[in-house]
């Protein structure tokens, strides 16, 4: 009985996670992404002298602290010309100097 209950709970959790991932993927497709990250097909490794192996093209090595392996990834920002000129909004949001009263 306990095994069946445990198996049922595992299946329920897997289904819930799957539904959440599908929903997150659909949500991400609808958002305007401002940058993209692509895997370059190679990995990078930490050498004995402390440097990292180079990545091809405009890819960079990304790794966690304390790890000796990383991924070669390229990050590109998307063209932001689709957005209106925000100069007026930026001027309005700029903090104004504090007024002081002279004695």
PDB file of N, CA and C in Angstrom:
ATOM      1  N   UNK A   1       0.824  -1.195   0.000  1.00  0.00           N
ATOM      2  CA  UNK A   1       0.000   0.000   0.000  1.00  0.00           C
ATOM      3  C   UNK A   1       0.866   1.257   0.000  1.00  0.00           C
ATOM      4  N   UNK A   2       1.917   1.259   0.831  1.00  0.00           N
ATOM      5  CA  UNK A   2       2.795   2.426   0.896  1.00  0.00           C
ATOM      6  C   UNK A   2       3.526   2.631  -0.423  1.00  0.00           C
ATOM      7  N   UNK A   3       3.928   1.546  -1.068  1.00  0.00           N
ATOM      8  CA  UNK A   3       4.640   1.632  -2.342  1.00  0.00           C
ATOM      9  C   UNK A   3       3.733   2.227  -3.411  1.00  0.00           C
ATOM     10  N   UNK A   4       2.461   1.795  -3.431  1.00  0.00           N
ATOM     11  CA  UNK A   4       1.521   2.329  -4.414  1.00  0.00           C
ATOM     12  C   UNK A   4       1.285   3.820  -4.187  1.00  0.00           C
ATOM     13  N   UNK A   5       1.151   4.212  -2.933  1.00  0.00           N
ATOM     14  CA  UNK A   5       0.944   5.622  -2.610  1.00  0.00           C
ATOM     15  C   UNK A   5       2.154   6.445  -3.020  1.00  0.00           C
ATOM     16  N   UNK A   6       3.341   5.936  -2.707  1.00  0.00           N
ATOM     17  CA  UNK A   6       4.575   6.636  -3.061  1.00  0.00           C
ATOM     18  C   UNK A   6       4.715   6.755  -4.580  1.00  0.00           C
ATOM     19  N   UNK A   7       4.420   5.692  -5.298  1.00  0.00           N
ATOM     20  CA  UNK A   7       4.497   5.714  -6.763  1.00  0.00           C
ATOM     21  C   UNK A   7       3.489   6.705  -7.335  1.00  0.00           C
ATOM     22  N   UNK A   8       2.279   6.722  -6.774  1.00  0.00           N
ATOM     23  CA  UNK A   8       1.259   7.658  -7.230  1.00  0.00           C
ATOM     24  C   UNK A   8       1.706   9.102  -7.015  1.00  0.00           C
ATOM     25  N   UNK A   9       2.301   9.382  -5.860  1.00  0.00           N
ATOM     26  CA  UNK A   9       2.778  10.736  -5.579  1.00  0.00           C
ATOM     27  C   UNK A   9       3.902  11.137  -6.535  1.00  0.00           C
ATOM     28  N   UNK A  10       4.795  10.204  -6.849  1.00  0.00           N
ATOM     29  CA  UNK A  10       5.874  10.497  -7.792  1.00  0.00           C
ATOM     30  C   UNK A  10       5.309  10.833  -9.170  1.00  0.00           C
ATOM     31  N   UNK A  11       4.342  10.065  -9.607  1.00  0.00           N
ATOM     32  CA  UNK A  11       3.728  10.316 -10.914  1.00  0.00           C
ATOM     33  C   UNK A  11       3.021  11.665 -10.910  1.00  0.00           C
ATOM     34  N   UNK A  12       2.316  11.975  -9.833  1.00  0.00           N
ATOM     35  CA  UNK A  12       1.610  13.255  -9.745  1.00  0.00           C
ATOM     36  C   UNK A  12       2.589  14.425  -9.794  1.00  0.00           C
ATOM     37  N   UNK A  13       3.711  14.303  -9.111  1.00  0.00           N
ATOM     38  CA  UNK A  13       4.722  15.365  -9.125  1.00  0.00           C
ATOM     39  C   UNK A  13       5.309  15.520 -10.521  1.00  0.00           C
ATOM     40  N   UNK A  14       5.605  14.417 -11.188  1.00  0.00           N
ATOM     41  CA  UNK A  14       6.151  14.472 -12.550  1.00  0.00           C
ATOM     42  C   UNK A  14       5.174  15.144 -13.509  1.00  0.00           C
ATOM     43  N   UNK A  15       3.904  14.830 -13.391  1.00  0.00           N
ATOM     44  CA  UNK A  15       2.893  15.456 -14.247  1.00  0.00           C
ATOM     45  C   UNK A  15       2.814  16.954 -13.956  1.00  0.00           C
ATOM     46  N   UNK A  16       2.829  17.320 -12.683  1.00  0.00           N
ATOM     47  CA  UNK A  16       2.751  18.736 -12.316  1.00  0.00           C
ATOM     48  C   UNK A  16       3.960  19.505 -12.841  1.00  0.00           C
ATOM     49  N   UNK A  17       5.138  18.927 -12.727  1.00  0.00           N
ATOM     50  CA  UNK A  17       6.346  19.589 -13.235  1.00  0.00           C
ATOM     51  C   UNK A  17       6.281  19.714 -14.751  1.00  0.00           C
ATOM     52  N   UNK A  18       5.820  18.673 -15.423  1.00  0.00           N
ATOM     53  CA  UNK A  18       5.696  18.722 -16.876  1.00  0.00           C
ATOM     54  C   UNK A  18       4.749  19.810 -17.333  1.00  0.00           C
ATOM     55  N   UNK A  19       3.619  19.939 -16.662  1.00  0.00           N
ATOM     56  CA  UNK A  19       2.650  20.984 -17.009  1.00  0.00           C
ATOM     57  C   UNK A  19       3.263  22.361 -16.774  1.00  0.00           C
ATOM     58  N   UNK A  20       3.987  22.512 -15.687  1.00  0.00           N
ATOM     59  CA  UNK A  20       4.630  23.796 -15.384  1.00  0.00           C
ATOM     60  C   UNK A  20       5.672  24.158 -16.438  1.00  0.00           C
ATOM     61  N   UNK A  21       6.462  23.183 -16.862  1.00  0.00           N
ATOM     62  CA  UNK A  21       7.483  23.440 -17.879  1.00  0.00           C
ATOM     63  C   UNK A  21       6.859  23.801 -19.222  1.00  0.00           C
ATOM     64  N   UNK A  22       5.788  23.133 -19.586  1.00  0.00           N
ATOM     65  CA  UNK A  22       5.107  23.457 -20.845  1.00  0.00           C
ATOM     66  C   UNK A  22       4.547  24.873 -20.774  1.00  0.00           C
ATOM     67  N   UNK A  23       3.942  25.212 -19.655  1.00  0.00           N
ATOM     68  CA  UNK A  23       3.401  26.563 -19.490  1.00  0.00           C
ATOM     69  C   UNK A  23       4.487  27.621 -19.520  1.00  0.00           C
ATOM     70  N   UNK A  24       5.622  27.341 -18.911  1.00  0.00           N
ATOM     71  CA  UNK A  24       6.732  28.293 -18.923  1.00  0.00           C
ATOM     72  C   UNK A  24       7.283  28.462 -20.328  1.00  0.00           C
ATOM     73  N   UNK A  25       7.353  27.379 -21.084  1.00  0.00           N
ATOM     74  CA  UNK A  25       7.843  27.463 -22.461  1.00  0.00           C
ATOM     75  C   UNK A  25       6.932  28.285 -23.338  1.00  0.00           C
ATOM     76  N   UNK A  26       5.634  28.096 -23.199  1.00  0.00           N
ATOM     77  CA  UNK A  26       4.671  28.873 -23.981  1.00  0.00           C
ATOM     78  C   UNK A  26       4.742  30.343 -23.581  1.00  0.00           C
ATOM     79  N   UNK A  27       4.871  30.606 -22.284  1.00  0.00           N
ATOM     80  CA  UNK A  27       4.963  31.982 -21.807  1.00  0.00           C
ATOM     81  C   UNK A  27       6.216  32.655 -22.356  1.00  0.00           C
ATOM     82  N   UNK A  28       7.337  31.938 -22.396  1.00  0.00           N
ATOM     83  CA  UNK A  28       8.588  32.504 -22.898  1.00  0.00           C
ATOM     84  C   UNK A  28       8.483  32.832 -24.378  1.00  0.00           C
ATOM     85  N   UNK A  29       7.723  32.054 -25.141  1.00  0.00           N
ATOM     86  CA  UNK A  29       7.575  32.329 -26.567  1.00  0.00           C
ATOM     87  C   UNK A  29       6.798  33.614 -26.814  1.00  0.00           C
ATOM     88  N   UNK A  30       5.906  33.973 -25.905  1.00  0.00           N
ATOM     89  CA  UNK A  30       5.082  35.157 -26.082  1.00  0.00           C
ATOM     90  C   UNK A  30       5.771  36.434 -25.638  1.00  0.00           C
ATOM     91  N   UNK A  31       6.808  36.342 -24.827  1.00  0.00           N
ATOM     92  CA  UNK A  31       7.502  37.522 -24.332  1.00  0.00           C
ATOM     93  C   UNK A  31       8.487  38.042 -25.369  1.00  0.00           C
ATOM     94  N   UNK A  32       8.727  39.347 -25.334  1.00  0.00           N
ATOM     95  CA  UNK A  32       9.781  39.928 -26.155  1.00  0.00           C
ATOM     96  C   UNK A  32      11.098  39.672 -25.441  1.00  0.00           C
ATOM     97  N   UNK A  33      11.905  38.809 -26.000  1.00  0.00           N
ATOM     98  CA  UNK A  33      13.188  38.501 -25.387  1.00  0.00           C
ATOM     99  C   UNK A  33      14.195  39.552 -25.807  1.00  0.00           C
ATOM    100  N   UNK A  34      14.921  40.099 -24.848  1.00  0.00           N
ATOM    101  CA  UNK A  34      15.887  41.138 -25.140  1.00  0.00           C
ATOM    102  C   UNK A  34      17.265  40.582 -25.454  1.00  0.00           C
ATOM    103  N   UNK A  35      17.508  39.320 -25.157  1.00  0.00           N
ATOM    104  CA  UNK A  35      18.783  38.717 -25.512  1.00  0.00           C
ATOM    105  C   UNK A  35      18.598  37.220 -25.692  1.00  0.00           C
ATOM    106  N   UNK A  36      19.548  36.619 -26.395  1.00  0.00           N
ATOM    107  CA  UNK A  36      19.521  35.177 -26.601  1.00  0.00           C
ATOM    108  C   UNK A  36      20.852  34.591 -26.168  1.00  0.00           C
ATOM    109  N   UNK A  37      20.810  33.371 -25.702  1.00  0.00           N
ATOM    110  CA  UNK A  37      22.016  32.638 -25.324  1.00  0.00           C
ATOM    111  C   UNK A  37      21.998  31.329 -26.090  1.00  0.00           C
ATOM    112  N   UNK A  38      23.090  31.052 -26.800  1.00  0.00           N
ATOM    113  CA  UNK A  38      23.192  29.838 -27.601  1.00  0.00           C
ATOM    114  C   UNK A  38      24.408  29.033 -27.176  1.00  0.00           C
ATOM    115  N   UNK A  39      24.248  27.717 -27.164  1.00  0.00           N
ATOM    116  CA  UNK A  39      25.360  26.809 -26.885  1.00  0.00           C
ATOM    117  C   UNK A  39      26.196  26.686 -28.148  1.00  0.00           C
ATOM    118  N   UNK A  40      27.499  26.810 -28.033  1.00  0.00           N
ATOM    119  CA  UNK A  40      28.391  26.825 -29.191  1.00  0.00           C
ATOM    120  C   UNK A  40      28.850  25.437 -29.617  1.00  0.00           C
ATOM    121  N   UNK A  41      28.425  24.406 -28.925  1.00  0.00           N
ATOM    122  CA  UNK A  41      28.767  23.048 -29.322  1.00  0.00           C
ATOM    123  C   UNK A  41      30.046  22.526 -28.706  1.00  0.00           C
ATOM    124  N   UNK A  42      30.718  23.328 -27.897  1.00  0.00           N
ATOM    125  CA  UNK A  42      31.951  22.880 -27.250  1.00  0.00           C
ATOM    126  C   UNK A  42      31.917  23.241 -25.772  1.00  0.00           C
ATOM    127  N   UNK A  43      32.779  22.598 -25.029  1.00  0.00           N
ATOM    128  CA  UNK A  43      32.935  22.895 -23.614  1.00  0.00           C
ATOM    129  C   UNK A  43      34.306  23.515 -23.389  1.00  0.00           C
ATOM    130  N   UNK A  44      34.508  24.124 -22.245  1.00  0.00           N
ATOM    131  CA  UNK A  44      35.809  24.669 -21.883  1.00  0.00           C
ATOM    132  C   UNK A  44      36.245  24.017 -20.573  1.00  0.00           C
ATOM    133  N   UNK A  45      37.538  23.911 -20.389  1.00  0.00           N
ATOM    134  CA  UNK A  45      38.075  23.274 -19.185  1.00  0.00           C
ATOM    135  C   UNK A  45      39.157  24.147 -18.576  1.00  0.00           C
ATOM    136  N   UNK A  46      39.300  24.033 -17.268  1.00  0.00           N
ATOM    137  CA  UNK A  46      40.331  24.775 -16.554  1.00  0.00           C
ATOM    138  C   UNK A  46      41.643  24.021 -16.679  1.00  0.00           C
ATOM    139  N   UNK A  47      42.682  24.732 -17.110  1.00  0.00           N
ATOM    140  CA  UNK A  47      43.986  24.111 -17.293  1.00  0.00           C
ATOM    141  C   UNK A  47      44.777  24.144 -15.996  1.00  0.00           C
ATOM    142  N   UNK A  48      45.891  23.439 -15.965  1.00  0.00           N
ATOM    143  CA  UNK A  48      46.688  23.335 -14.739  1.00  0.00           C
ATOM    144  C   UNK A  48      47.271  24.680 -14.312  1.00  0.00           C
ATOM    145  N   UNK A  49      47.459  25.616 -15.246  1.00  0.00           N
ATOM    146  CA  UNK A  49      48.000  26.933 -14.886  1.00  0.00           C
ATOM    147  C   UNK A  49      46.909  27.906 -14.423  1.00  0.00           C
ATOM    148  N   UNK A  50      45.658  27.451 -14.378  1.00  0.00           N
ATOM    149  CA  UNK A  50      44.553  28.269 -13.893  1.00  0.00           C
ATOM    150  C   UNK A  50      43.764  28.967 -14.979  1.00  0.00           C
ATOM    151  N   UNK A  51      44.267  28.972 -16.215  1.00  0.00           N
ATOM    152  CA  UNK A  51      43.525  29.597 -17.311  1.00  0.00           C
ATOM    153  C   UNK A  51      42.504  28.617 -17.872  1.00  0.00           C
ATOM    154  N   UNK A  52      41.601  29.132 -18.672  1.00  0.00           N
ATOM    155  CA  UNK A  52      40.551  28.314 -19.273  1.00  0.00           C
ATOM    156  C   UNK A  52      40.813  28.177 -20.760  1.00  0.00           C
ATOM    157  N   UNK A  53      40.443  27.045 -21.322  1.00  0.00           N
ATOM    158  CA  UNK A  53      40.588  26.854 -22.760  1.00  0.00           C
ATOM    159  C   UNK A  53      39.675  27.837 -23.486  1.00  0.00           C
ATOM    160  N   UNK A  54      40.082  28.217 -24.688  1.00  0.00           N
ATOM    161  CA  UNK A  54      39.318  29.216 -25.433  1.00  0.00           C
ATOM    162  C   UNK A  54      38.117  28.585 -26.123  1.00  0.00           C
ATOM    163  N   UNK A  55      37.148  29.416 -26.387  1.00  0.00           N
ATOM    164  CA  UNK A  55      35.941  28.992 -27.091  1.00  0.00           C
ATOM    165  C   UNK A  55      35.980  29.560 -28.508  1.00  0.00           C
ATOM    166  N   UNK A  56      35.338  28.899 -29.455  1.00  0.00           N
ATOM    167  CA  UNK A  56      35.394  29.358 -30.847  1.00  0.00           C
ATOM    168  C   UNK A  56      34.544  30.605 -31.096  1.00  0.00           C
ATOM    169  N   UNK A  57      34.944  31.373 -32.121  1.00  0.00           N
ATOM    170  CA  UNK A  57      34.154  32.524 -32.559  1.00  0.00           C
ATOM    171  C   UNK A  57      33.942  33.547 -31.467  1.00  0.00           C
ATOM    172  N   UNK A  58      32.727  34.067 -31.371  1.00  0.00           N
ATOM    173  CA  UNK A  58      32.417  35.056 -30.335  1.00  0.00           C
ATOM    174  C   UNK A  58      31.800  34.404 -29.101  1.00  0.00           C
ATOM    175  N   UNK A  59      32.112  33.147 -28.883  1.00  0.00           N
ATOM    176  CA  UNK A  59      31.620  32.420 -27.708  1.00  0.00           C
ATOM    177  C   UNK A  59      32.541  32.676 -26.521  1.00  0.00           C
ATOM    178  N   UNK A  60      31.993  32.614 -25.337  1.00  0.00           N
ATOM    179  CA  UNK A  60      32.748  32.799 -24.103  1.00  0.00           C
ATOM    180  C   UNK A  60      32.518  31.608 -23.192  1.00  0.00           C
ATOM    181  N   UNK A  61      33.488  31.380 -22.312  1.00  0.00           N
ATOM    182  CA  UNK A  61      33.406  30.265 -21.369  1.00  0.00           C
ATOM    183  C   UNK A  61      32.632  30.710 -20.130  1.00  0.00           C
ATOM    184  N   UNK A  62      31.604  29.964 -19.775  1.00  0.00           N
ATOM    185  CA  UNK A  62      30.822  30.217 -18.569  1.00  0.00           C
ATOM    186  C   UNK A  62      30.916  28.986 -17.685  1.00  0.00           C
ATOM    187  N   UNK A  63      31.299  29.205 -16.418  1.00  0.00           N
ATOM    188  CA  UNK A  63      31.494  28.080 -15.501  1.00  0.00           C
ATOM    189  C   UNK A  63      31.116  28.493 -14.093  1.00  0.00           C
ATOM    190  N   UNK A  64      30.853  27.510 -13.263  1.00  0.00           N
ATOM    191  CA  UNK A  64      30.541  27.749 -11.858  1.00  0.00           C
ATOM    192  C   UNK A  64      31.835  27.810 -11.069  1.00  0.00           C
ATOM    193  N   UNK A  65      31.814  28.559  -9.965  1.00  0.00           N
ATOM    194  CA  UNK A  65      32.983  28.621  -9.094  1.00  0.00           C
ATOM    195  C   UNK A  65      33.300  27.240  -8.554  1.00  0.00           C
ATOM    196  N   UNK A  66      34.567  26.904  -8.529  1.00  0.00           N
ATOM    197  CA  UNK A  66      35.000  25.627  -7.991  1.00  0.00           C
ATOM    198  C   UNK A  66      34.908  24.474  -8.965  1.00  0.00           C
ATOM    199  N   UNK A  67      34.350  24.695 -10.143  1.00  0.00           N
ATOM    200  CA  UNK A  67      34.232  23.634 -11.148  1.00  0.00           C
ATOM    201  C   UNK A  67      35.389  23.753 -12.140  1.00  0.00           C
ATOM    202  N   UNK A  68      35.727  22.640 -12.770  1.00  0.00           N
ATOM    203  CA  UNK A  68      36.805  22.646 -13.757  1.00  0.00           C
ATOM    204  C   UNK A  68      36.282  22.515 -15.179  1.00  0.00           C
ATOM    205  N   UNK A  69      34.978  22.415 -15.348  1.00  0.00           N
ATOM    206  CA  UNK A  69      34.372  22.333 -16.669  1.00  0.00           C
ATOM    207  C   UNK A  69      33.341  23.445 -16.820  1.00  0.00           C
ATOM    208  N   UNK A  70      33.222  23.947 -18.028  1.00  0.00           N
ATOM    209  CA  UNK A  70      32.241  24.985 -18.310  1.00  0.00           C
ATOM    210  C   UNK A  70      31.667  24.806 -19.695  1.00  0.00           C
ATOM    211  N   UNK A  71      30.785  25.699 -20.086  1.00  0.00           N
ATOM    212  CA  UNK A  71      30.144  25.655 -21.398  1.00  0.00           C
ATOM    213  C   UNK A  71      30.581  26.862 -22.215  1.00  0.00           C
ATOM    214  N   UNK A  72      30.769  26.653 -23.503  1.00  0.00           N
ATOM    215  CA  UNK A  72      31.018  27.758 -24.424  1.00  0.00           C
ATOM    216  C   UNK A  72      29.663  28.256 -24.915  1.00  0.00           C
ATOM    217  N   UNK A  73      29.339  29.500 -24.593  1.00  0.00           N
ATOM    218  CA  UNK A  73      28.048  30.083 -24.932  1.00  0.00           C
ATOM    219  C   UNK A  73      28.247  31.426 -25.621  1.00  0.00           C
ATOM    220  N   UNK A  74      27.326  31.765 -26.485  1.00  0.00           N
ATOM    221  CA  UNK A  74      27.324  33.108 -27.069  1.00  0.00           C
ATOM    222  C   UNK A  74      26.057  33.808 -26.611  1.00  0.00           C
ATOM    223  N   UNK A  75      26.206  35.036 -26.177  1.00  0.00           N
ATOM    224  CA  UNK A  75      25.070  35.840 -25.728  1.00  0.00           C
ATOM    225  C   UNK A  75      24.971  37.053 -26.638  1.00  0.00           C
ATOM    226  N   UNK A  76      23.796  37.269 -27.203  1.00  0.00           N
ATOM    227  CA  UNK A  76      23.588  38.393 -28.106  1.00  0.00           C
ATOM    228  C   UNK A  76      22.353  39.163 -27.675  1.00  0.00           C
ATOM    229  N   UNK A  77      22.491  40.479 -27.682  1.00  0.00           N
ATOM    230  CA  UNK A  77      21.352  41.327 -27.378  1.00  0.00           C
ATOM    231  C   UNK A  77      20.544  41.559 -28.645  1.00  0.00           C
ATOM    232  N   UNK A  78      19.250  41.564 -28.488  1.00  0.00           N
ATOM    233  CA  UNK A  78      18.338  41.763 -29.608  1.00  0.00           C
ATOM    234  C   UNK A  78      18.248  43.261 -29.916  1.00  0.00           C
ATOM    235  N   UNK A  79      17.961  43.583 -31.150  1.00  0.00           N
ATOM    236  CA  UNK A  79      17.806  44.963 -31.588  1.00  0.00           C
ATOM    237  C   UNK A  79      16.714  45.645 -30.771  1.00  0.00           C
ATOM    238  N   UNK A  80      17.071  46.721 -30.102  1.00  0.00           N
ATOM    239  CA  UNK A  80      16.125  47.415 -29.233  1.00  0.00           C
ATOM    240  C   UNK A  80      15.418  48.563 -29.939  1.00  0.00           C
ATOM    241  N   UNK A  81      15.570  48.679 -31.260  1.00  0.00           N
ATOM    242  CA  UNK A  81      14.914  49.768 -31.983  1.00  0.00           C
ATOM    243  C   UNK A  81      13.404  49.578 -32.052  1.00  0.00           C
ATOM    244  N   UNK A  82      12.916  48.409 -31.648  1.00  0.00           N
ATOM    245  CA  UNK A  82      11.476  48.191 -31.644  1.00  0.00           C
ATOM    246  C   UNK A  82      10.783  49.003 -30.562  1.00  0.00           C
ATOM    247  N   UNK A  83      11.568  49.507 -29.610  1.00  0.00           N
ATOM    248  CA  UNK A  83      10.996  50.292 -28.528  1.00  0.00           C
ATOM    249  C   UNK A  83      11.087  51.775 -28.870  1.00  0.00           C
ATOM    250  N   UNK A  84      10.134  52.526 -28.394  1.00  0.00           N
ATOM    251  CA  UNK A  84      10.114  53.963 -28.659  1.00  0.00           C
ATOM    252  C   UNK A  84      11.283  54.652 -27.962  1.00  0.00           C
ATOM    253  N   UNK A  85      11.550  55.866 -28.385  1.00  0.00           N
ATOM    254  CA  UNK A  85      12.603  56.661 -27.773  1.00  0.00           C
ATOM    255  C   UNK A  85      12.147  57.053 -26.368  1.00  0.00           C
ATOM    256  N   UNK A  86      12.902  56.664 -25.380  1.00  0.00           N
ATOM    257  CA  UNK A  86      12.494  56.876 -23.990  1.00  0.00           C
ATOM    258  C   UNK A  86      13.142  58.107 -23.366  1.00  0.00           C
ATOM    259  N   UNK A  87      13.654  59.025 -24.187  1.00  0.00           N
ATOM    260  CA  UNK A  87      14.367  60.183 -23.662  1.00  0.00           C
ATOM    261  C   UNK A  87      13.492  61.008 -22.727  1.00  0.00           C
ATOM    262  N   UNK A  88      12.262  61.299 -23.123  1.00  0.00           N
ATOM    263  CA  UNK A  88      11.380  62.113 -22.282  1.00  0.00           C
ATOM    264  C   UNK A  88      11.070  61.418 -20.963  1.00  0.00           C
ATOM    265  N   UNK A  89      10.823  60.109 -21.021  1.00  0.00           N
ATOM    266  CA  UNK A  89      10.543  59.360 -19.804  1.00  0.00           C
ATOM    267  C   UNK A  89      11.765  59.324 -18.888  1.00  0.00           C
ATOM    268  N   UNK A  90      12.948  59.224 -19.484  1.00  0.00           N
ATOM    269  CA  UNK A  90      14.172  59.192 -18.682  1.00  0.00           C
ATOM    270  C   UNK A  90      14.410  60.548 -18.025  1.00  0.00           C
ATOM    271  N   UNK A  91      14.138  61.631 -18.742  1.00  0.00           N
ATOM    272  CA  UNK A  91      14.294  62.964 -18.154  1.00  0.00           C
ATOM    273  C   UNK A  91      13.320  63.149 -16.998  1.00  0.00           C
ATOM    274  N   UNK A  92      12.098  62.678 -17.170  1.00  0.00           N
ATOM    275  CA  UNK A  92      11.091  62.821 -16.118  1.00  0.00           C
ATOM    276  C   UNK A  92      11.448  61.991 -14.889  1.00  0.00           C
ATOM    277  N   UNK A  93      12.147  60.875 -15.089  1.00  0.00           N
ATOM    278  CA  UNK A  93      12.490  59.997 -13.970  1.00  0.00           C
ATOM    279  C   UNK A  93      13.811  60.368 -13.310  1.00  0.00           C
ATOM    280  N   UNK A  94      14.560  61.300 -13.898  1.00  0.00           N
ATOM    281  CA  UNK A  94      15.850  61.695 -13.337  1.00  0.00           C
ATOM    282  C   UNK A  94      15.631  62.439 -12.027  1.00  0.00           C
ATOM    283  N   UNK A  95      16.358  62.074 -10.970  1.00  0.00           N
ATOM    284  CA  UNK A  95      16.206  62.781  -9.693  1.00  0.00           C
ATOM    285  C   UNK A  95      16.606  64.254  -9.839  1.00  0.00           C
ATOM    286  N   UNK A  96      15.837  65.105  -9.239  1.00  0.00           N
ATOM    287  CA  UNK A  96      16.138  66.533  -9.279  1.00  0.00           C
ATOM    288  C   UNK A  96      16.980  66.895  -8.062  1.00  0.00           C
ATOM    289  N   UNK A  97      17.818  67.930  -8.194  1.00  0.00           N
ATOM    290  CA  UNK A  97      18.636  68.318  -7.041  1.00  0.00           C
ATOM    291  C   UNK A  97      17.760  68.772  -5.875  1.00  0.00           C
ATOM    292  N   UNK A  98      18.237  68.497  -4.699  1.00  0.00           N
ATOM    293  CA  UNK A  98      17.490  68.844  -3.495  1.00  0.00           C
ATOM    294  C   UNK A  98      17.550  70.354  -3.275  1.00  0.00           C
ATOM    295  N   UNK A  99      16.406  70.957  -3.045  1.00  0.00           N
ATOM    296  CA  UNK A  99      16.360  72.394  -2.798  1.00  0.00           C
ATOM    297  C   UNK A  99      16.661  72.662  -1.333  1.00  0.00           C
ATOM    298  N   UNK A 100      17.547  73.611  -1.103  1.00  0.00           N
ATOM    299  CA  UNK A 100      17.858  73.997   0.274  1.00  0.00           C
ATOM    300  C   UNK A 100      17.501  75.461   0.461  1.00  0.00           C
ATOM    301  N   UNK A 101      17.007  75.786   1.606  1.00  0.00           N
ATOM    302  CA  UNK A 101      16.652  77.169   1.918  1.00  0.00           C
ATOM    303  C   UNK A 101      17.845  77.850   2.564  1.00  0.00           C
ATOM    304  N   UNK A 102      18.177  79.032   2.065  1.00  0.00           N
ATOM    305  CA  UNK A 102      19.292  79.771   2.675  1.00  0.00           C
ATOM    306  C   UNK A 102      18.764  80.570   3.860  1.00  0.00           C
ATOM    307  N   UNK A 103      19.611  80.784   4.842  1.00  0.00           N
ATOM    308  CA  UNK A 103      19.187  81.489   6.056  1.00  0.00           C
ATOM    309  C   UNK A 103      19.576  82.918   5.998  1.00  0.00           C
TER     310      UNK A 103
END
